Amino acid sequence: MEYVLIAIAILVVALLAGVSLLVARGRRTTRLDEDAATGTTLTRPRPPEAREPSGATTSGLAVPPDVADQVQPDTVQPEPAPDVELPPAEPEPAPAFETPPPSAGRLVRLRSRLARSQSSLGRGLLTVLAREKLTEEDWEEVEETLLAADVGITATTQIVERLRTQSMVLATASGRQLRELLVRELTAVLGPELDRSLATDRHDGLPGVVLVVGVNGAGKTTTVGKIARVLVGDGKSVVLGAADTFRAAAADQLETWGERVGVLTVRGREGGDPASVAFEAVRTGTEGEVDTVVVDTAGRLHTKAGLMDELGKIKRVVEKLAPVTETLLVLDATTGQNGVVQARVFTEAVAVTGVVLTKLDGTAKGGIVISVQRELGIPVKLVGLGEGPDDLAPFEPEAFAEALVGSGD
């Protein structure tokens, strides 16, 4: 009997222990389910085979031996958040380049820039020639007006002689007829028959190569930038060569001009070899199959002879790759006859094919165009009529004469 009671007691204790265990497990399961619903990180027991041995590390921490055999927690990741579609990234805007106007008709559009030259030349001549009877003193006044406008002695003599032969016509001419006559005579001495086209086109698979020469202060580097704008406005592709390595910031200045119209500028270190920069510019233009390479050259060295020798070297080095198709001499129109003296020095060193007259915007004397062409036998191809980026225009004799004479009112 005694053994029966003991067995019953053991059975009761076992039943009570089993019930307690089931209640505890039910509570744990409920807690796990509740935490999973909140999205927080929860831990679950690992199976025996995944337990780490005594003394193992988890996340760099040592597990004590008396704990190693216990259930180790495992990490339960929350459910992934739903994918959110992001708007597509906007592409970076392409750099905006300026679009210069075409060169055709520029001189006509800029004729108002010659207003002061009109008053010193065109209007002065019209005032004298409109007199009923021209005396010897009147003809002397005509000569003085032309010379004061830097027309030059040779051209002045030619104009006066032609007008004298038409003195009878002048005496009966109306204001409009007189103006037309004067425009015709000025156009005649401006050399309308001269070839003023710019040799800037590709030929035989090579780019046109333009060397720009002249003394510092004439606006040479600025003119190179404006030439690039003229060419881009006419639909040509261009590479610029900053071979004026002797003047501080010349390359920076030219690079800024190029960036405005999307033109590449090849430059070297300050004080470097100008010929190597010019060579690299032409090589770049050749490989890139551009239409024109425009090279800015130095305007000053320690001696005049050194400058001229350097220009000759640049030309020789460049022509190892492609022939120089145009050599433009930049002259400051405000220097008058001194500019002609400078020009002669350059023409002795390099074969100048055209002249660019800058600063011909009212403060200059318009007749310098006639004088330069007469003295040098080289056509004026471009004229700068202001400080704006698009104030460089192809020279057109008749339009220029029209601007010089004015309306005649």
Protein backbone atom coordinates (compact mmCIF):
# COMPACT_ATOMS: atom_id res chain seq x y z
CA MET A 1 0.00 0.00 0.00
CA GLU A 2 2.81 2.24 0.86
CA TYR A 3 4.34 1.78 -2.56
CA VAL A 4 1.05 2.62 -4.24
CA LEU A 5 0.76 5.96 -2.42
CA ILE A 6 4.32 6.89 -3.40
CA ALA A 7 3.62 6.08 -7.03
CA ILE A 8 0.44 8.15 -6.99
CA ALA A 9 2.31 11.13 -5.46
CA ILE A 10 5.02 10.90 -8.10
CA LEU A 11 2.38 10.78 -10.82
CA VAL A 12 0.60 13.86 -9.44
CA VAL A 13 3.86 15.82 -9.24
CA ALA A 14 4.71 14.86 -12.84
CA LEU A 15 1.29 15.92 -14.05
CA LEU A 16 1.60 19.29 -12.29
CA ALA A 17 5.07 19.84 -13.77
CA GLY A 18 3.79 18.99 -17.24
CA VAL A 19 0.92 21.44 -16.96
CA SER A 20 3.29 24.24 -15.81
CA LEU A 21 5.60 23.57 -18.75
CA LEU A 22 2.74 23.73 -21.27
CA VAL A 23 1.54 27.02 -19.81
CA ALA A 24 5.04 28.52 -19.98
CA ARG A 25 5.54 27.46 -23.60
CA GLY A 26 2.18 28.94 -24.55
CA ARG A 27 3.16 32.26 -23.04
CA ARG A 28 6.50 32.35 -24.96
CA THR A 29 4.82 31.61 -28.27
CA THR A 30 2.29 34.35 -27.71
CA ARG A 31 5.04 36.90 -26.97
CA LEU A 32 6.98 35.99 -30.13
CA ASP A 33 3.87 36.36 -32.25
CA GLU A 34 3.05 39.72 -30.68
CA ASP A 35 6.61 41.06 -31.29
CA ALA A 36 6.60 39.84 -34.89
CA ALA A 37 3.47 41.85 -35.49
CA THR A 38 5.24 45.06 -34.35
CA GLY A 39 8.15 44.58 -36.79
CA THR A 40 10.86 44.65 -34.13
CA THR A 41 13.88 42.37 -34.05
CA LEU A 42 13.18 39.19 -32.05
CA THR A 43 15.27 36.19 -31.04
CA ARG A 44 14.50 32.49 -31.53
CA PRO A 45 16.29 29.47 -30.09
CA ARG A 46 18.83 27.84 -32.33
CA PRO A 47 18.78 24.09 -32.97
CA PRO A 48 21.37 22.02 -31.05
CA GLU A 49 23.56 21.44 -34.09
CA ALA A 50 23.92 25.21 -34.53
CA ARG A 51 25.10 25.87 -31.00
CA GLU A 52 28.64 27.19 -30.69
CA PRO A 53 31.16 25.23 -28.67
CA SER A 54 32.23 26.31 -25.25
CA GLY A 55 34.42 29.44 -25.39
CA ALA A 56 33.27 30.50 -28.95
CA THR A 57 32.72 34.18 -29.81
CA THR A 58 29.66 35.91 -31.18
CA SER A 59 30.05 39.45 -32.46
CA GLY A 60 33.50 39.54 -30.91
CA LEU A 61 32.32 38.66 -27.37
CA ALA A 62 33.52 35.54 -25.48
CA VAL A 63 30.79 33.04 -24.45
CA PRO A 64 31.42 31.64 -20.96
CA PRO A 65 31.65 27.83 -20.73
CA ASP A 66 28.67 27.60 -18.43
CA VAL A 67 26.55 29.49 -20.90
CA ALA A 68 27.80 27.93 -24.14
CA ASP A 69 25.56 24.91 -23.78
CA GLN A 70 22.51 27.05 -23.23
CA VAL A 71 20.17 28.05 -26.02
CA GLN A 72 21.76 30.81 -28.08
CA PRO A 73 19.48 33.44 -29.61
CA ASP A 74 19.15 33.81 -33.33
CA THR A 75 18.16 37.03 -35.05
CA VAL A 76 14.86 37.27 -36.90
CA GLN A 77 14.80 39.98 -39.59
CA PRO A 78 11.64 42.04 -40.02
CA GLU A 79 9.61 41.72 -43.16
CA PRO A 80 11.15 43.82 -45.99
CA ALA A 81 9.56 47.19 -46.53
CA PRO A 82 7.60 47.50 -49.76
CA ASP A 83 9.57 48.84 -52.75
CA VAL A 84 9.08 52.53 -53.33
CA GLU A 85 9.55 53.76 -56.88
CA LEU A 86 11.77 56.84 -56.90
CA PRO A 87 11.39 59.40 -59.66
CA PRO A 88 14.15 59.11 -62.31
CA ALA A 89 17.12 61.36 -61.70
CA GLU A 90 17.07 64.38 -63.92
CA PRO A 91 20.05 64.45 -66.32
CA GLU A 92 22.50 67.27 -65.85
CA PRO A 93 21.78 70.05 -68.32
CA ALA A 94 24.20 70.27 -71.21
CA PRO A 95 26.42 73.35 -71.15
CA ALA A 96 24.79 76.23 -72.97
CA PHE A 97 27.01 77.82 -75.60
CA GLU A 98 26.46 81.17 -77.18
CA THR A 99 25.36 81.17 -80.82
CA PRO A 100 27.10 84.02 -82.65
CA PRO A 101 25.34 85.63 -85.61
CA PRO A 102 26.64 84.82 -89.11
CA SER A 103 29.27 87.14 -90.55
CA ALA A 104 27.22 88.12 -93.60
CA GLY A 105 25.87 91.65 -93.29
CA ARG A 106 27.70 92.41 -90.04
CA LEU A 107 29.36 95.53 -91.40
CA VAL A 108 26.01 96.94 -92.46
CA ARG A 109 24.56 96.24 -89.04
CA LEU A 110 27.52 97.91 -87.33
CA ARG A 111 27.76 101.00 -89.53
CA SER A 112 26.55 103.26 -86.71
CA ARG A 113 29.88 102.54 -84.95
CA LEU A 114 31.56 104.77 -87.55
CA ALA A 115 29.56 107.82 -86.52
CA ARG A 116 32.54 109.90 -85.46
CA SER A 117 34.52 108.90 -88.51
CA GLN A 118 31.58 110.12 -90.57
CA SER A 119 31.79 113.57 -89.01
CA SER A 120 35.54 113.82 -89.60
CA LEU A 121 35.55 112.53 -93.16
CA GLY A 122 32.22 111.99 -94.91
CA ARG A 123 30.32 114.97 -93.57
CA GLY A 124 33.34 117.22 -93.88
CA LEU A 125 33.74 116.36 -97.56
CA LEU A 126 30.05 116.77 -98.29
CA THR A 127 30.05 120.20 -96.69
CA VAL A 128 32.86 121.44 -98.94
CA LEU A 129 31.72 119.76 -102.15
CA ALA A 130 28.19 121.11 -101.80
CA ARG A 131 29.39 124.67 -102.37
CA GLU A 132 28.33 126.26 -105.64
CA LYS A 133 31.78 127.07 -106.95
CA LEU A 134 34.84 125.33 -105.60
CA THR A 135 37.91 127.54 -105.23
CA GLU A 136 41.49 126.46 -104.80
CA GLU A 137 41.07 126.95 -101.08
CA ASP A 138 38.10 124.59 -101.14
CA TRP A 139 40.18 121.89 -102.83
CA GLU A 140 42.90 122.40 -100.23
CA GLU A 141 40.25 121.90 -97.56
CA VAL A 142 39.21 118.66 -99.22
CA GLU A 143 42.82 117.49 -99.14
CA GLU A 144 43.21 118.44 -95.49
CA THR A 145 40.03 116.57 -94.59
CA LEU A 146 41.25 113.42 -96.30
CA LEU A 147 44.73 113.60 -94.79
CA ALA A 148 43.32 114.23 -91.31
CA ALA A 149 41.31 111.03 -91.69
CA ASP A 150 44.55 109.08 -92.35
CA VAL A 151 43.66 108.36 -95.96
CA GLY A 152 47.30 108.90 -96.92
CA ILE A 153 48.98 111.17 -99.45
CA THR A 154 48.78 108.85 -102.46
CA ALA A 155 45.11 108.03 -102.04
CA THR A 156 44.26 111.67 -101.22
CA THR A 157 45.88 112.86 -104.44
CA GLN A 158 43.95 110.28 -106.46
CA ILE A 159 40.60 111.20 -104.89
CA VAL A 160 41.09 114.96 -105.35
CA GLU A 161 42.15 114.56 -108.99
CA ARG A 162 39.10 112.45 -109.79
CA LEU A 163 36.79 114.92 -108.10
CA ARG A 164 38.40 117.87 -109.89
CA THR A 165 37.69 116.28 -113.27
CA GLN A 166 34.04 116.18 -112.28
CA SER A 167 33.93 119.70 -110.86
CA MET A 168 31.34 120.79 -113.40
CA VAL A 169 29.13 117.90 -112.32
CA LEU A 170 29.65 118.79 -108.67
CA ALA A 171 28.43 122.32 -109.25
CA THR A 172 25.02 121.08 -110.40
CA ALA A 173 24.67 117.97 -108.28
CA SER A 174 21.97 117.57 -105.66
CA GLY A 175 22.82 116.41 -102.14
CA ARG A 176 21.87 112.83 -102.97
CA GLN A 177 23.89 112.81 -106.22
CA LEU A 178 26.87 114.34 -104.45
CA ARG A 179 26.77 111.67 -101.77
CA GLU A 180 26.56 108.88 -104.36
CA LEU A 181 29.54 110.35 -106.21
CA LEU A 182 31.63 110.52 -103.04
CA VAL A 183 30.72 106.96 -102.06
CA ARG A 184 31.74 105.77 -105.52
CA GLU A 185 35.12 107.53 -105.37
CA LEU A 186 35.91 106.26 -101.87
CA THR A 187 34.92 102.73 -102.85
CA ALA A 188 37.26 102.91 -105.84
CA VAL A 189 40.30 103.70 -103.68
CA LEU A 190 39.34 101.01 -101.14
CA GLY A 191 40.23 98.33 -103.68
CA PRO A 192 36.94 96.55 -104.35
CA GLU A 193 38.77 94.16 -106.68
CA LEU A 194 40.96 92.72 -103.88
CA ASP A 195 40.27 89.19 -102.65
CA ARG A 196 39.07 89.52 -99.05
CA SER A 197 37.92 85.94 -98.53
CA LEU A 198 39.37 84.05 -95.55
CA ALA A 199 41.13 80.77 -96.36
CA THR A 200 39.68 78.85 -93.42
CA ASP A 201 38.12 75.78 -95.07
CA ARG A 202 39.34 72.19 -94.85
CA HIS A 203 41.34 71.01 -97.83
CA ASP A 204 42.88 67.66 -98.73
CA GLY A 205 41.73 66.23 -95.40
CA LEU A 206 43.48 68.95 -93.41
CA PRO A 207 42.11 71.93 -91.49
CA GLY A 208 42.63 75.50 -92.58
CA VAL A 209 45.36 77.01 -90.40
CA VAL A 210 45.23 80.71 -89.48
CA LEU A 211 48.18 82.43 -87.81
CA VAL A 212 47.33 85.73 -86.11
CA VAL A 213 50.28 88.08 -85.59
CA GLY A 214 50.77 91.62 -84.33
CA VAL A 215 52.20 93.65 -81.47
CA ASN A 216 50.84 93.51 -77.95
CA GLY A 217 48.18 96.09 -77.27
CA ALA A 218 46.57 95.92 -80.69
CA GLY A 219 43.88 93.57 -79.41
CA LYS A 220 45.39 90.45 -80.95
CA THR A 221 44.19 87.81 -78.47
CA THR A 222 40.73 89.37 -78.29
CA THR A 223 40.64 89.38 -82.09
CA VAL A 224 41.48 85.66 -82.17
CA GLY A 225 38.50 85.02 -79.89
CA LYS A 226 36.26 87.14 -82.11
CA ILE A 227 37.50 85.33 -85.22
CA ALA A 228 36.46 82.07 -83.57
CA ARG A 229 32.99 83.54 -83.07
CA VAL A 230 32.84 84.64 -86.72
CA LEU A 231 33.76 81.13 -87.86
CA VAL A 232 31.36 79.38 -85.48
CA GLY A 233 28.61 81.76 -86.57
CA ASP A 234 29.28 80.64 -90.14
CA GLY A 235 28.90 77.00 -89.13
CA LYS A 236 32.57 75.98 -88.90
CA SER A 237 34.27 73.83 -86.27
CA VAL A 238 37.31 75.44 -84.68
CA VAL A 239 40.32 74.71 -82.45
CA LEU A 240 42.25 77.58 -80.85
CA GLY A 241 45.99 77.53 -80.14
CA ALA A 242 47.23 79.74 -77.29
CA ALA A 243 50.80 80.17 -78.52
CA ASP A 244 51.26 83.57 -76.85
CA THR A 245 53.05 81.95 -73.91
CA PHE A 246 55.07 85.05 -73.03
CA ARG A 247 52.16 87.19 -71.84
CA ALA A 248 50.61 86.38 -68.50
CA ALA A 249 46.98 85.25 -68.68
CA ALA A 250 46.88 85.27 -72.50
CA ALA A 251 45.94 81.59 -72.55
CA ASP A 252 43.26 82.11 -69.89
CA GLN A 253 41.80 84.95 -71.89
CA LEU A 254 41.69 82.90 -75.08
CA GLU A 255 40.27 79.86 -73.28
CA THR A 256 37.40 82.01 -71.96
CA TRP A 257 36.57 83.13 -75.50
CA GLY A 258 36.57 79.52 -76.67
CA GLU A 259 34.38 78.27 -73.83
CA ARG A 260 31.65 80.74 -74.71
CA VAL A 261 31.09 79.15 -78.10
CA GLY A 262 32.12 75.58 -77.29
CA VAL A 263 35.55 75.72 -78.93
CA LEU A 264 38.54 73.72 -77.66
CA THR A 265 41.67 75.69 -76.71
CA VAL A 266 45.12 74.06 -76.73
CA ARG A 267 47.54 75.71 -74.32
CA GLY A 268 50.95 75.12 -72.75
CA ARG A 269 52.80 76.28 -69.67
CA GLU A 270 53.56 79.97 -69.26
CA GLY A 271 56.89 80.82 -70.86
CA GLY A 272 56.92 77.55 -72.81
CA ASP A 273 57.78 77.04 -76.45
CA PRO A 274 55.14 78.77 -78.62
CA ALA A 275 55.93 76.58 -81.62
CA SER A 276 55.15 73.40 -79.70
CA VAL A 277 51.77 74.80 -78.63
CA ALA A 278 50.95 75.74 -82.21
CA PHE A 279 52.05 72.29 -83.41
CA GLU A 280 49.84 70.56 -80.83
CA ALA A 281 46.86 72.75 -81.76
CA VAL A 282 47.18 71.81 -85.43
CA ARG A 283 47.65 68.14 -84.56
CA THR A 284 44.52 68.24 -82.40
CA GLY A 285 42.57 69.94 -85.16
CA THR A 286 43.78 67.44 -87.72
CA GLU A 287 42.86 64.42 -85.61
CA GLY A 288 39.51 65.96 -84.72
CA GLU A 289 38.79 66.75 -88.38
CA VAL A 290 37.83 70.35 -87.58
CA ASP A 291 37.49 73.00 -90.26
CA THR A 292 39.87 75.63 -88.89
CA VAL A 293 42.72 76.01 -86.40
CA VAL A 294 43.37 79.60 -85.28
CA VAL A 295 46.72 80.22 -83.56
CA ASP A 296 47.39 83.27 -81.37
CA THR A 297 51.09 84.21 -81.42
CA ALA A 298 53.29 86.29 -79.14
CA GLY A 299 53.41 90.03 -79.75
CA ARG A 300 56.55 90.83 -77.82
CA LEU A 301 59.92 89.29 -76.98
CA HIS A 302 63.08 90.83 -75.69
CA THR A 303 64.15 91.98 -79.13
CA LYS A 304 62.34 92.64 -82.37
CA ALA A 305 64.59 90.17 -84.15
CA GLY A 306 63.69 87.50 -81.59
CA LEU A 307 59.99 88.03 -82.19
CA MET A 308 60.31 87.76 -85.95
CA ASP A 309 62.49 84.64 -85.68
CA GLU A 310 59.88 83.06 -83.37
CA LEU A 311 57.08 83.74 -85.85
CA GLY A 312 59.09 82.13 -88.62
CA LYS A 313 59.76 79.10 -86.41
CA ILE A 314 56.07 78.69 -85.59
CA LYS A 315 55.18 78.70 -89.26
CA ARG A 316 57.86 76.13 -90.13
CA VAL A 317 56.88 73.79 -87.29
CA VAL A 318 53.14 74.01 -88.04
CA GLU A 319 53.66 73.27 -91.71
CA LYS A 320 55.13 69.88 -90.84
CA LEU A 321 51.50 68.92 -90.28
CA ALA A 322 49.44 71.27 -92.45
CA PRO A 323 50.10 74.36 -94.56
CA VAL A 324 49.32 77.77 -93.10
CA THR A 325 46.41 78.98 -95.22
CA GLU A 326 46.03 82.47 -93.75
CA THR A 327 48.30 84.87 -91.85
CA LEU A 328 46.40 87.82 -90.42
CA LEU A 329 48.14 90.93 -89.12
CA VAL A 330 46.25 92.78 -86.36
CA LEU A 331 46.71 96.55 -86.34
CA ASP A 332 45.30 99.15 -83.98
CA ALA A 333 43.49 101.69 -86.18
CA THR A 334 44.00 104.43 -83.61
CA THR A 335 47.78 104.39 -84.16
CA GLY A 336 47.35 105.80 -87.67
CA GLN A 337 50.49 105.87 -89.77
CA ASN A 338 52.53 104.27 -86.96
CA GLY A 339 50.52 101.14 -87.57
CA VAL A 340 51.72 101.08 -91.15
CA VAL A 341 55.35 101.19 -89.95
CA GLN A 342 54.68 98.25 -87.60
CA ALA A 343 53.03 96.34 -90.39
CA ARG A 344 56.07 96.60 -92.65
CA VAL A 345 58.23 94.86 -90.03
CA PHE A 346 55.85 91.92 -89.82
CA THR A 347 55.47 91.58 -93.58
CA GLU A 348 59.24 91.23 -93.84
CA ALA A 349 59.20 88.26 -91.44
CA VAL A 350 56.08 86.37 -92.49
CA ALA A 351 53.92 86.29 -95.59
CA VAL A 352 50.92 88.32 -94.35
CA THR A 353 47.79 87.57 -96.39
CA GLY A 354 45.33 89.94 -94.74
CA VAL A 355 44.98 92.78 -92.24
CA VAL A 356 42.59 93.05 -89.29
CA LEU A 357 42.00 96.65 -88.20
CA THR A 358 40.79 96.88 -84.60
CA LYS A 359 39.31 99.80 -82.61
CA LEU A 360 37.79 101.34 -85.73
CA ASP A 361 34.80 102.53 -83.71
CA GLY A 362 34.46 106.26 -83.90
CA THR A 363 37.66 107.23 -82.11
CA ALA A 364 39.65 106.02 -85.12
CA LYS A 365 40.03 107.73 -88.46
CA GLY A 366 38.30 105.69 -91.12
CA GLY A 367 40.79 106.52 -93.86
CA ILE A 368 43.43 104.27 -92.29
CA VAL A 369 41.90 101.37 -94.23
CA ILE A 370 42.83 103.05 -97.49
CA SER A 371 46.32 103.94 -96.28
CA VAL A 372 47.16 100.46 -95.01
CA GLN A 373 46.12 98.78 -98.24
CA ARG A 374 47.97 101.31 -100.37
CA GLU A 375 51.19 101.10 -98.41
CA LEU A 376 51.28 97.34 -97.89
CA GLY A 377 49.49 96.02 -100.93
CA ILE A 378 47.59 93.67 -98.58
CA PRO A 379 43.79 93.69 -98.32
CA VAL A 380 41.99 94.58 -95.10
CA LYS A 381 39.84 91.51 -94.47
CA LEU A 382 38.30 92.18 -91.07
CA VAL A 383 37.51 95.32 -89.07
CA GLY A 384 36.75 95.65 -85.38
CA LEU A 385 34.01 98.21 -84.78
CA GLY A 386 33.57 98.02 -81.01
CA GLU A 387 34.28 96.13 -77.81
CA GLY A 388 31.37 93.69 -78.06
CA PRO A 389 32.07 90.00 -78.78
CA ASP A 390 30.42 90.18 -82.20
CA ASP A 391 31.79 93.56 -83.31
CA LEU A 392 34.31 92.02 -85.73
CA ALA A 393 33.04 92.14 -89.32
CA PRO A 394 34.27 91.12 -92.76
CA PHE A 395 35.38 94.23 -94.62
CA GLU A 396 33.14 95.31 -97.51
CA PRO A 397 34.45 98.39 -99.39
CA GLU A 398 31.13 99.81 -100.55
CA ALA A 399 29.38 99.31 -97.22
CA PHE A 400 32.37 100.92 -95.49
CA ALA A 401 32.33 103.91 -97.83
CA GLU A 402 28.59 104.27 -97.25
CA ALA A 403 29.18 104.30 -93.51
CA LEU A 404 31.99 106.85 -93.78
CA VAL A 405 29.99 109.29 -95.87
CA GLY A 406 26.82 108.92 -93.83
CA SER A 407 23.32 109.84 -94.88
CA GLY A 408 24.25 113.20 -96.28
CA ASP A 409 21.49 114.88 -94.30
